[in-house]
PDB file of N, CA and C in Angstrom:
ATOM      1  N   MET A   1      -6.506 -21.793   4.373  1.00  0.00           N
ATOM      2  CA  MET A   1      -5.785 -21.301   5.517  1.00  0.00           C
ATOM      3  C   MET A   1      -4.399 -21.038   5.035  1.00  0.00           C
ATOM      4  N   ILE A   2      -3.742 -19.935   5.535  1.00  0.00           N
ATOM      5  CA  ILE A   2      -2.446 -19.459   5.208  1.00  0.00           C
ATOM      6  C   ILE A   2      -1.634 -19.524   6.523  1.00  0.00           C
ATOM      7  N   LYS A   3      -0.479 -20.103   6.391  1.00  0.00           N
ATOM      8  CA  LYS A   3       0.467 -20.128   7.564  1.00  0.00           C
ATOM      9  C   LYS A   3       1.578 -19.178   7.146  1.00  0.00           C
ATOM     10  N   VAL A   4       1.864 -18.135   8.013  1.00  0.00           N
ATOM     11  CA  VAL A   4       2.998 -17.322   8.068  1.00  0.00           C
ATOM     12  C   VAL A   4       4.027 -17.867   8.982  1.00  0.00           C
ATOM     13  N   SER A   5       5.200 -18.368   8.397  1.00  0.00           N
ATOM     14  CA  SER A   5       6.201 -18.930   9.280  1.00  0.00           C
ATOM     15  C   SER A   5       7.405 -17.968   9.262  1.00  0.00           C
ATOM     16  N   VAL A   6       7.938 -17.724  10.409  1.00  0.00           N
ATOM     17  CA  VAL A   6       9.030 -16.811  10.708  1.00  0.00           C
ATOM     18  C   VAL A   6      10.217 -17.659  11.133  1.00  0.00           C
ATOM     19  N   PHE A   7      11.211 -17.862  10.213  1.00  0.00           N
ATOM     20  CA  PHE A   7      12.365 -18.689  10.601  1.00  0.00           C
ATOM     21  C   PHE A   7      13.471 -17.773  11.092  1.00  0.00           C
ATOM     22  N   TYR A   8      14.082 -18.184  12.246  1.00  0.00           N
ATOM     23  CA  TYR A   8      15.265 -17.423  12.790  1.00  0.00           C
ATOM     24  C   TYR A   8      16.484 -18.444  12.772  1.00  0.00           C
ATOM     25  N   PRO A   9      17.183 -18.173  11.621  1.00  0.00           N
ATOM     26  CA  PRO A   9      18.397 -19.113  11.424  1.00  0.00           C
ATOM     27  C   PRO A   9      19.384 -19.057  12.517  1.00  0.00           C
ATOM     28  N   ASN A  10      19.800 -20.214  12.977  1.00  0.00           N
ATOM     29  CA  ASN A  10      20.841 -20.342  14.114  1.00  0.00           C
ATOM     30  C   ASN A  10      22.092 -20.001  13.447  1.00  0.00           C
ATOM     31  N   ARG A  11      22.896 -19.103  14.182  1.00  0.00           N
ATOM     32  CA  ARG A  11      24.332 -18.735  13.639  1.00  0.00           C
ATOM     33  C   ARG A  11      25.209 -18.462  14.731  1.00  0.00           C
ATOM     34  N   GLU A  12      26.364 -18.740  14.614  1.00  0.00           N
ATOM     35  CA  GLU A  12      27.387 -18.224  15.698  1.00  0.00           C
ATOM     36  C   GLU A  12      27.240 -16.925  16.009  1.00  0.00           C
ATOM     37  N   GLY A  13      27.213 -16.531  17.366  1.00  0.00           N
ATOM     38  CA  GLY A  13      27.057 -15.142  17.876  1.00  0.00           C
ATOM     39  C   GLY A  13      25.716 -14.638  17.838  1.00  0.00           C
ATOM     40  N   GLY A  14      24.792 -15.448  17.367  1.00  0.00           N
ATOM     41  CA  GLY A  14      23.294 -15.135  17.428  1.00  0.00           C
ATOM     42  C   GLY A  14      22.877 -15.380  18.915  1.00  0.00           C
ATOM     43  N   LYS A  15      21.669 -14.416  19.159  1.00  0.00           N
ATOM     44  CA  LYS A  15      21.070 -14.565  20.398  1.00  0.00           C
ATOM     45  C   LYS A  15      19.605 -14.727  20.019  1.00  0.00           C
ATOM     46  N   PHE A  16      18.948 -15.509  20.908  1.00  0.00           N
ATOM     47  CA  PHE A  16      17.575 -15.711  20.843  1.00  0.00           C
ATOM     48  C   PHE A  16      16.923 -16.013  22.189  1.00  0.00           C
ATOM     49  N   ASP A  17      16.115 -15.102  22.715  1.00  0.00           N
ATOM     50  CA  ASP A  17      15.425 -15.224  24.044  1.00  0.00           C
ATOM     51  C   ASP A  17      14.086 -15.878  23.897  1.00  0.00           C
ATOM     52  N   ILE A  18      14.080 -17.200  23.948  1.00  0.00           N
ATOM     53  CA  ILE A  18      12.869 -17.944  23.781  1.00  0.00           C
ATOM     54  C   ILE A  18      11.753 -17.624  24.712  1.00  0.00           C
ATOM     55  N   SER A  19      12.222 -17.330  26.060  1.00  0.00           N
ATOM     56  CA  SER A  19      11.199 -16.969  27.067  1.00  0.00           C
ATOM     57  C   SER A  19      10.530 -15.570  26.660  1.00  0.00           C
ATOM     58  N   TYR A  20      11.374 -14.631  26.268  1.00  0.00           N
ATOM     59  CA  TYR A  20      10.784 -13.278  25.934  1.00  0.00           C
ATOM     60  C   TYR A  20       9.850 -13.490  24.687  1.00  0.00           C
ATOM     61  N   TYR A  21      10.301 -14.313  23.714  1.00  0.00           N
ATOM     62  CA  TYR A  21       9.564 -14.452  22.448  1.00  0.00           C
ATOM     63  C   TYR A  21       8.135 -15.062  22.857  1.00  0.00           C
ATOM     64  N   CYS A  22       8.100 -16.179  23.631  1.00  0.00           N
ATOM     65  CA  CYS A  22       6.868 -16.788  23.997  1.00  0.00           C
ATOM     66  C   CYS A  22       6.061 -15.974  24.877  1.00  0.00           C
ATOM     67  N   ASN A  23       6.646 -15.270  25.833  1.00  0.00           N
ATOM     68  CA  ASN A  23       5.889 -14.607  26.928  1.00  0.00           C
ATOM     69  C   ASN A  23       5.575 -13.251  26.753  1.00  0.00           C
ATOM     70  N   LYS A  24       6.279 -12.555  25.800  1.00  0.00           N
ATOM     71  CA  LYS A  24       6.092 -11.108  25.597  1.00  0.00           C
ATOM     72  C   LYS A  24       5.794 -10.770  24.009  1.00  0.00           C
ATOM     73  N   HIS A  25       6.639 -11.360  23.173  1.00  0.00           N
ATOM     74  CA  HIS A  25       6.497 -10.945  21.659  1.00  0.00           C
ATOM     75  C   HIS A  25       5.117 -11.601  21.125  1.00  0.00           C
ATOM     76  N   ILE A  26       4.997 -12.851  21.281  1.00  0.00           N
ATOM     77  CA  ILE A  26       3.866 -13.545  20.765  1.00  0.00           C
ATOM     78  C   ILE A  26       2.576 -12.930  21.274  1.00  0.00           C
ATOM     79  N   PRO A  27       2.408 -12.639  22.554  1.00  0.00           N
ATOM     80  CA  PRO A  27       1.221 -12.129  23.137  1.00  0.00           C
ATOM     81  C   PRO A  27       0.953 -10.662  22.591  1.00  0.00           C
ATOM     82  N   LEU A  28       2.024  -9.916  22.312  1.00  0.00           N
ATOM     83  CA  LEU A  28       1.942  -8.676  21.626  1.00  0.00           C
ATOM     84  C   LEU A  28       1.365  -8.821  20.213  1.00  0.00           C
ATOM     85  N   VAL A  29       1.940  -9.795  19.510  1.00  0.00           N
ATOM     86  CA  VAL A  29       1.377 -10.034  18.115  1.00  0.00           C
ATOM     87  C   VAL A  29      -0.047 -10.490  18.080  1.00  0.00           C
ATOM     88  N   GLN A  30      -0.385 -11.304  19.140  1.00  0.00           N
ATOM     89  CA  GLN A  30      -1.854 -11.714  19.213  1.00  0.00           C
ATOM     90  C   GLN A  30      -2.734 -10.572  19.474  1.00  0.00           C
ATOM     91  N   LYS A  31      -2.388  -9.782  20.387  1.00  0.00           N
ATOM     92  CA  LYS A  31      -3.144  -8.634  20.702  1.00  0.00           C
ATOM     93  C   LYS A  31      -3.290  -7.700  19.673  1.00  0.00           C
ATOM     94  N   LEU A  32      -2.239  -7.337  18.915  1.00  0.00           N
ATOM     95  CA  LEU A  32      -2.215  -6.373  17.831  1.00  0.00           C
ATOM     96  C   LEU A  32      -3.015  -6.897  16.574  1.00  0.00           C
ATOM     97  N   LEU A  33      -2.855  -8.149  16.307  1.00  0.00           N
ATOM     98  CA  LEU A  33      -3.492  -8.705  15.120  1.00  0.00           C
ATOM     99  C   LEU A  33      -4.930  -9.223  15.262  1.00  0.00           C
ATOM    100  N   GLY A  34      -5.302  -9.381  16.541  1.00  0.00           N
ATOM    101  CA  GLY A  34      -6.602  -9.572  16.906  1.00  0.00           C
ATOM    102  C   GLY A  34      -7.221 -10.820  16.254  1.00  0.00           C
ATOM    103  N   THR A  35      -8.543 -10.694  15.880  1.00  0.00           N
ATOM    104  CA  THR A  35      -9.329 -11.849  15.277  1.00  0.00           C
ATOM    105  C   THR A  35      -8.739 -12.166  13.827  1.00  0.00           C
ATOM    106  N   ALA A  36      -7.988 -11.374  13.287  1.00  0.00           N
ATOM    107  CA  ALA A  36      -7.420 -11.922  12.036  1.00  0.00           C
ATOM    108  C   ALA A  36      -6.542 -13.175  12.132  1.00  0.00           C
ATOM    109  N   LEU A  37      -5.808 -13.036  13.361  1.00  0.00           N
ATOM    110  CA  LEU A  37      -4.913 -14.230  13.652  1.00  0.00           C
ATOM    111  C   LEU A  37      -5.728 -15.399  14.212  1.00  0.00           C
ATOM    112  N   LYS A  38      -5.717 -16.645  13.505  1.00  0.00           N
ATOM    113  CA  LYS A  38      -6.487 -17.670  13.840  1.00  0.00           C
ATOM    114  C   LYS A  38      -5.768 -18.827  14.735  1.00  0.00           C
ATOM    115  N   GLY A  39      -4.459 -18.699  14.753  1.00  0.00           N
ATOM    116  CA  GLY A  39      -3.685 -19.599  15.565  1.00  0.00           C
ATOM    117  C   GLY A  39      -2.280 -19.273  15.616  1.00  0.00           C
ATOM    118  N   VAL A  40      -1.621 -19.850  16.559  1.00  0.00           N
ATOM    119  CA  VAL A  40      -0.155 -19.576  16.709  1.00  0.00           C
ATOM    120  C   VAL A  40       0.452 -20.777  17.254  1.00  0.00           C
ATOM    121  N   ALA A  41       1.800 -21.059  16.869  1.00  0.00           N
ATOM    122  CA  ALA A  41       2.567 -22.093  17.395  1.00  0.00           C
ATOM    123  C   ALA A  41       4.063 -21.627  17.312  1.00  0.00           C
ATOM    124  N   VAL A  42       4.819 -22.105  18.313  1.00  0.00           N
ATOM    125  CA  VAL A  42       6.341 -21.686  18.430  1.00  0.00           C
ATOM    126  C   VAL A  42       7.180 -22.955  18.511  1.00  0.00           C
ATOM    127  N   ASP A  43       8.089 -23.184  17.560  1.00  0.00           N
ATOM    128  CA  ASP A  43       8.951 -24.177  17.652  1.00  0.00           C
ATOM    129  C   ASP A  43      10.317 -23.664  18.116  1.00  0.00           C
ATOM    130  N   HIS A  44      11.002 -24.402  19.039  1.00  0.00           N
ATOM    131  CA  HIS A  44      12.300 -24.031  19.668  1.00  0.00           C
ATOM    132  C   HIS A  44      13.365 -25.061  19.223  1.00  0.00           C
ATOM    133  N   GLY A  45      14.281 -24.659  18.284  1.00  0.00           N
ATOM    134  CA  GLY A  45      15.270 -25.587  17.830  1.00  0.00           C
ATOM    135  C   GLY A  45      16.256 -26.032  18.967  1.00  0.00           C
ATOM    136  N   ILE A  46      16.216 -27.473  19.112  1.00  0.00           N
ATOM    137  CA  ILE A  46      17.190 -28.076  20.111  1.00  0.00           C
ATOM    138  C   ILE A  46      18.249 -28.715  19.552  1.00  0.00           C
ATOM    139  N   THR A  47      18.233 -29.271  18.380  1.00  0.00           N
ATOM    140  CA  THR A  47      19.371 -30.040  17.678  1.00  0.00           C
ATOM    141  C   THR A  47      19.049 -30.248  16.268  1.00  0.00           C
ATOM    142  N   GLY A  48      20.094 -30.425  15.577  1.00  0.00           N
ATOM    143  CA  GLY A  48      19.917 -30.837  14.031  1.00  0.00           C
ATOM    144  C   GLY A  48      20.033 -32.407  13.946  1.00  0.00           C
ATOM    145  N   SER A  49      20.184 -32.775  12.677  1.00  0.00           N
ATOM    146  CA  SER A  49      20.455 -34.194  12.386  1.00  0.00           C
ATOM    147  C   SER A  49      21.638 -34.380  11.792  1.00  0.00           C
ATOM    148  N   PRO A  50      22.661 -35.211  12.255  1.00  0.00           N
ATOM    149  CA  PRO A  50      22.391 -35.989  13.386  1.00  0.00           C
ATOM    150  C   PRO A  50      22.210 -35.444  14.722  1.00  0.00           C
ATOM    151  N   PRO A  51      21.583 -35.945  15.764  1.00  0.00           N
ATOM    152  CA  PRO A  51      21.555 -35.514  16.971  1.00  0.00           C
ATOM    153  C   PRO A  51      22.960 -34.959  17.584  1.00  0.00           C
ATOM    154  N   GLY A  52      22.865 -33.875  18.257  1.00  0.00           N
ATOM    155  CA  GLY A  52      24.196 -33.287  18.730  1.00  0.00           C
ATOM    156  C   GLY A  52      24.708 -32.187  17.929  1.00  0.00           C
ATOM    157  N   THR A  53      24.166 -32.105  16.781  1.00  0.00           N
ATOM    158  CA  THR A  53      24.729 -30.998  15.790  1.00  0.00           C
ATOM    159  C   THR A  53      23.716 -29.764  16.057  1.00  0.00           C
ATOM    160  N   PRO A  54      24.075 -28.632  15.758  1.00  0.00           N
ATOM    161  CA  PRO A  54      23.296 -27.363  15.985  1.00  0.00           C
ATOM    162  C   PRO A  54      22.022 -27.483  15.255  1.00  0.00           C
ATOM    163  N   ALA A  55      20.966 -26.943  15.854  1.00  0.00           N
ATOM    164  CA  ALA A  55      19.603 -26.939  15.113  1.00  0.00           C
ATOM    165  C   ALA A  55      19.867 -25.778  13.966  1.00  0.00           C
ATOM    166  N   PRO A  56      19.162 -26.091  12.847  1.00  0.00           N
ATOM    167  CA  PRO A  56      19.324 -25.149  11.798  1.00  0.00           C
ATOM    168  C   PRO A  56      18.663 -23.751  12.112  1.00  0.00           C
ATOM    169  N   TYR A  57      17.617 -23.790  12.894  1.00  0.00           N
ATOM    170  CA  TYR A  57      16.922 -22.551  13.276  1.00  0.00           C
ATOM    171  C   TYR A  57      16.785 -22.421  14.760  1.00  0.00           C
ATOM    172  N   ALA A  58      17.105 -21.293  15.385  1.00  0.00           N
ATOM    173  CA  ALA A  58      16.991 -21.139  16.823  1.00  0.00           C
ATOM    174  C   ALA A  58      15.534 -21.164  17.226  1.00  0.00           C
ATOM    175  N   ALA A  59      14.590 -20.739  16.358  1.00  0.00           N
ATOM    176  CA  ALA A  59      13.096 -20.856  16.614  1.00  0.00           C
ATOM    177  C   ALA A  59      12.487 -20.629  15.358  1.00  0.00           C
ATOM    178  N   ILE A  60      11.112 -21.001  15.334  1.00  0.00           N
ATOM    179  CA  ILE A  60      10.241 -20.790  14.192  1.00  0.00           C
ATOM    180  C   ILE A  60       8.867 -20.434  14.816  1.00  0.00           C
ATOM    181  N   GLY A  61       8.417 -19.345  14.423  1.00  0.00           N
ATOM    182  CA  GLY A  61       7.071 -18.919  14.733  1.00  0.00           C
ATOM    183  C   GLY A  61       6.062 -19.130  13.602  1.00  0.00           C
ATOM    184  N   HIS A  62       4.898 -19.661  13.822  1.00  0.00           N
ATOM    185  CA  HIS A  62       3.924 -19.903  13.026  1.00  0.00           C
ATOM    186  C   HIS A  62       2.543 -19.249  13.341  1.00  0.00           C
ATOM    187  N   LEU A  63       2.003 -18.454  12.300  1.00  0.00           N
ATOM    188  CA  LEU A  63       0.756 -17.645  12.544  1.00  0.00           C
ATOM    189  C   LEU A  63      -0.249 -18.101  11.487  1.00  0.00           C
ATOM    190  N   LEU A  64      -1.405 -18.403  11.848  1.00  0.00           N
ATOM    191  CA  LEU A  64      -2.382 -18.788  10.931  1.00  0.00           C
ATOM    192  C   LEU A  64      -3.400 -17.721  10.527  1.00  0.00           C
ATOM    193  N   PHE A  65      -3.758 -17.643   9.415  1.00  0.00           N
ATOM    194  CA  PHE A  65      -4.829 -16.628   8.849  1.00  0.00           C
ATOM    195  C   PHE A  65      -5.681 -17.262   7.874  1.00  0.00           C
ATOM    196  N   ASP A  66      -6.826 -16.644   7.649  1.00  0.00           N
ATOM    197  CA  ASP A  66      -7.713 -17.125   6.567  1.00  0.00           C
ATOM    198  C   ASP A  66      -7.130 -16.986   5.202  1.00  0.00           C
ATOM    199  N   SER A  67      -6.422 -15.864   5.081  1.00  0.00           N
ATOM    200  CA  SER A  67      -5.980 -15.576   3.700  1.00  0.00           C
ATOM    201  C   SER A  67      -4.716 -14.723   3.792  1.00  0.00           C
ATOM    202  N   ALA A  68      -3.909 -14.697   2.612  1.00  0.00           N
ATOM    203  CA  ALA A  68      -2.785 -13.745   2.599  1.00  0.00           C
ATOM    204  C   ALA A  68      -3.210 -12.353   2.804  1.00  0.00           C
ATOM    205  N   GLU A  69      -4.355 -12.060   2.174  1.00  0.00           N
ATOM    206  CA  GLU A  69      -4.817 -10.681   2.358  1.00  0.00           C
ATOM    207  C   GLU A  69      -5.141 -10.231   3.794  1.00  0.00           C
ATOM    208  N   SER A  70      -5.755 -11.177   4.492  1.00  0.00           N
ATOM    209  CA  SER A  70      -6.179 -10.865   5.874  1.00  0.00           C
ATOM    210  C   SER A  70      -4.897 -10.741   6.777  1.00  0.00           C
ATOM    211  N   PHE A  71      -3.879 -11.538   6.527  1.00  0.00           N
ATOM    212  CA  PHE A  71      -2.519 -11.356   7.082  1.00  0.00           C
ATOM    213  C   PHE A  71      -1.997  -9.956   6.823  1.00  0.00           C
ATOM    214  N   GLN A  72      -1.889  -9.595   5.507  1.00  0.00           N
ATOM    215  CA  GLN A  72      -1.232  -8.385   5.144  1.00  0.00           C
ATOM    216  C   GLN A  72      -1.911  -7.182   5.681  1.00  0.00           C
ATOM    217  N   LYS A  73      -3.340  -7.184   5.718  1.00  0.00           N
ATOM    218  CA  LYS A  73      -3.966  -6.084   6.202  1.00  0.00           C
ATOM    219  C   LYS A  73      -3.872  -5.961   7.666  1.00  0.00           C
ATOM    220  N   ALA A  74      -3.848  -7.060   8.523  1.00  0.00           N
ATOM    221  CA  ALA A  74      -3.699  -6.951   9.905  1.00  0.00           C
ATOM    222  C   ALA A  74      -2.195  -6.565  10.215  1.00  0.00           C
ATOM    223  N   PHE A  75      -1.212  -7.203   9.501  1.00  0.00           N
ATOM    224  CA  PHE A  75       0.241  -6.876   9.737  1.00  0.00           C
ATOM    225  C   PHE A  75       0.480  -5.357   9.428  1.00  0.00           C
ATOM    226  N   ASP A  76       0.026  -5.003   8.286  1.00  0.00           N
ATOM    227  CA  ASP A  76       0.475  -3.596   7.859  1.00  0.00           C
ATOM    228  C   ASP A  76      -0.103  -2.547   8.894  1.00  0.00           C
ATOM    229  N   ALA A  77      -1.208  -2.815   9.526  1.00  0.00           N
ATOM    230  CA  ALA A  77      -1.765  -1.829  10.487  1.00  0.00           C
ATOM    231  C   ALA A  77      -1.062  -1.741  11.765  1.00  0.00           C
ATOM    232  N   HIS A  78      -0.095  -2.737  12.020  1.00  0.00           N
ATOM    233  CA  HIS A  78       0.528  -2.898  13.273  1.00  0.00           C
ATOM    234  C   HIS A  78       2.072  -3.263  13.056  1.00  0.00           C
ATOM    235  N   ALA A  79       2.622  -3.044  11.854  1.00  0.00           N
ATOM    236  CA  ALA A  79       3.918  -3.503  11.647  1.00  0.00           C
ATOM    237  C   ALA A  79       4.995  -2.733  12.554  1.00  0.00           C
ATOM    238  N   ALA A  80       4.856  -1.569  12.625  1.00  0.00           N
ATOM    239  CA  ALA A  80       5.877  -0.765  13.540  1.00  0.00           C
ATOM    240  C   ALA A  80       6.034  -1.229  14.889  1.00  0.00           C
ATOM    241  N   PRO A  81       5.013  -1.382  15.761  1.00  0.00           N
ATOM    242  CA  PRO A  81       5.416  -1.949  17.069  1.00  0.00           C
ATOM    243  C   PRO A  81       5.832  -3.384  17.041  1.00  0.00           C
ATOM    244  N   ILE A  82       5.366  -4.231  16.074  1.00  0.00           N
ATOM    245  CA  ILE A  82       5.786  -5.656  16.054  1.00  0.00           C
ATOM    246  C   ILE A  82       7.360  -5.672  15.714  1.00  0.00           C
ATOM    247  N   MET A  83       7.690  -4.941  14.621  1.00  0.00           N
ATOM    248  CA  MET A  83       9.158  -4.919  14.300  1.00  0.00           C
ATOM    249  C   MET A  83      10.021  -4.189  15.257  1.00  0.00           C
ATOM    250  N   ALA A  84       9.500  -3.271  15.958  1.00  0.00           N
ATOM    251  CA  ALA A  84      10.255  -2.522  16.967  1.00  0.00           C
ATOM    252  C   ALA A  84      10.669  -3.492  18.172  1.00  0.00           C
ATOM    253  N   ASP A  85       9.894  -4.483  18.330  1.00  0.00           N
ATOM    254  CA  ASP A  85       9.957  -5.420  19.554  1.00  0.00           C
ATOM    255  C   ASP A  85      11.126  -6.469  19.237  1.00  0.00           C
ATOM    256  N   ILE A  86      11.437  -6.766  18.014  1.00  0.00           N
ATOM    257  CA  ILE A  86      12.329  -7.803  17.561  1.00  0.00           C
ATOM    258  C   ILE A  86      13.791  -7.704  18.353  1.00  0.00           C
ATOM    259  N   PRO A  87      14.373  -6.455  18.438  1.00  0.00           N
ATOM    260  CA  PRO A  87      15.751  -6.449  19.103  1.00  0.00           C
ATOM    261  C   PRO A  87      15.617  -6.876  20.611  1.00  0.00           C
ATOM    262  N   ASN A  88      14.364  -6.864  21.188  1.00  0.00           N
ATOM    263  CA  ASN A  88      14.256  -7.279  22.500  1.00  0.00           C
ATOM    264  C   ASN A  88      14.518  -8.705  22.753  1.00  0.00           C
ATOM    265  N   TYR A  89      14.392  -9.596  21.759  1.00  0.00           N
ATOM    266  CA  TYR A  89      14.612 -11.076  21.808  1.00  0.00           C
ATOM    267  C   TYR A  89      15.591 -11.610  20.924  1.00  0.00           C
ATOM    268  N   THR A  90      16.081 -10.927  19.889  1.00  0.00           N
ATOM    269  CA  THR A  90      17.019 -11.634  19.012  1.00  0.00           C
ATOM    270  C   THR A  90      17.873 -10.557  18.184  1.00  0.00           C
ATOM    271  N   ASN A  91      19.029 -10.917  17.731  1.00  0.00           N
ATOM    272  CA  ASN A  91      19.825 -10.264  16.676  1.00  0.00           C
ATOM    273  C   ASN A  91      19.875 -11.013  15.398  1.00  0.00           C
ATOM    274  N   LEU A  92      19.096 -12.082  15.324  1.00  0.00           N
ATOM    275  CA  LEU A  92      19.003 -12.878  14.110  1.00  0.00           C
ATOM    276  C   LEU A  92      18.058 -12.194  13.186  1.00  0.00           C
ATOM    277  N   GLN A  93      18.431 -12.437  11.759  1.00  0.00           N
ATOM    278  CA  GLN A  93      17.665 -11.854  10.718  1.00  0.00           C
ATOM    279  C   GLN A  93      16.549 -12.797  10.384  1.00  0.00           C
ATOM    280  N   PRO A  94      15.265 -12.629  10.532  1.00  0.00           N
ATOM    281  CA  PRO A  94      14.222 -13.576  10.251  1.00  0.00           C
ATOM    282  C   PRO A  94      14.084 -13.866   8.697  1.00  0.00           C
ATOM    283  N   ILE A  95      13.664 -15.055   8.293  1.00  0.00           N
ATOM    284  CA  ILE A  95      13.166 -15.453   7.066  1.00  0.00           C
ATOM    285  C   ILE A  95      11.661 -15.728   7.224  1.00  0.00           C
ATOM    286  N   ILE A  96      10.911 -15.048   6.240  1.00  0.00           N
ATOM    287  CA  ILE A  96       9.502 -15.330   6.415  1.00  0.00           C
ATOM    288  C   ILE A  96       8.925 -15.897   5.156  1.00  0.00           C
ATOM    289  N   GLN A  97       8.056 -16.933   5.417  1.00  0.00           N
ATOM    290  CA  GLN A  97       7.442 -17.630   4.304  1.00  0.00           C
ATOM    291  C   GLN A  97       5.895 -17.737   4.551  1.00  0.00           C
ATOM    292  N   LEU A  98       5.166 -17.587   3.481  1.00  0.00           N
ATOM    293  CA  LEU A  98       3.743 -17.695   3.544  1.00  0.00           C
ATOM    294  C   LEU A  98       3.475 -19.126   2.903  1.00  0.00           C
ATOM    295  N   SER A  99       2.635 -19.887   3.571  1.00  0.00           N
ATOM    296  CA  SER A  99       2.363 -21.182   2.882  1.00  0.00           C
ATOM    297  C   SER A  99       0.916 -21.427   2.893  1.00  0.00           C
ATOM    298  N   GLU A 100       0.419 -22.197   1.912  1.00  0.00           N
ATOM    299  CA  GLU A 100      -0.962 -22.599   2.012  1.00  0.00           C
ATOM    300  C   GLU A 100      -1.033 -23.952   2.674  1.00  0.00           C
ATOM    301  N   VAL A 101      -1.822 -24.122   3.753  1.00  0.00           N
ATOM    302  CA  VAL A 101      -2.002 -25.280   4.563  1.00  0.00           C
ATOM    303  C   VAL A 101      -2.828 -26.255   3.698  1.00  0.00           C
ATOM    304  N   LYS A 102      -2.281 -27.437   3.484  1.00  0.00           N
ATOM    305  CA  LYS A 102      -3.013 -28.457   2.635  1.00  0.00           C
ATOM    306  C   LYS A 102      -3.598 -29.457   3.573  1.00  0.00           C
ATOM    307  N   LEU A 103      -2.853 -29.770   4.700  1.00  0.00           N
ATOM    308  CA  LEU A 103      -3.451 -30.878   5.637  1.00  0.00           C
ATOM    309  C   LEU A 103      -3.589 -30.323   7.078  1.00  0.00           C
TER     310      LEU A 103
END
């Protein structure tokens, strides 16, 4: 199992609309990627450590796929509308990481 994590670093002046992300963007991604997408989770940063300090990430999206190849094939076919939707919820530059899920 491969997890594609999209990290949105928290920064001064950054905006992130978690409601839009959860209710519009992620459903769009689910629709476009179809059965290649095996699962999804969204983390919303609320605080750092120690408590009361800013969270390092405004949000993190996690997408599960059977393989890196299945992710790339599904994403490549629909990259344009997915990427075009990003300005609707954030001005932050995402960091993307592919990981192999071990547990």
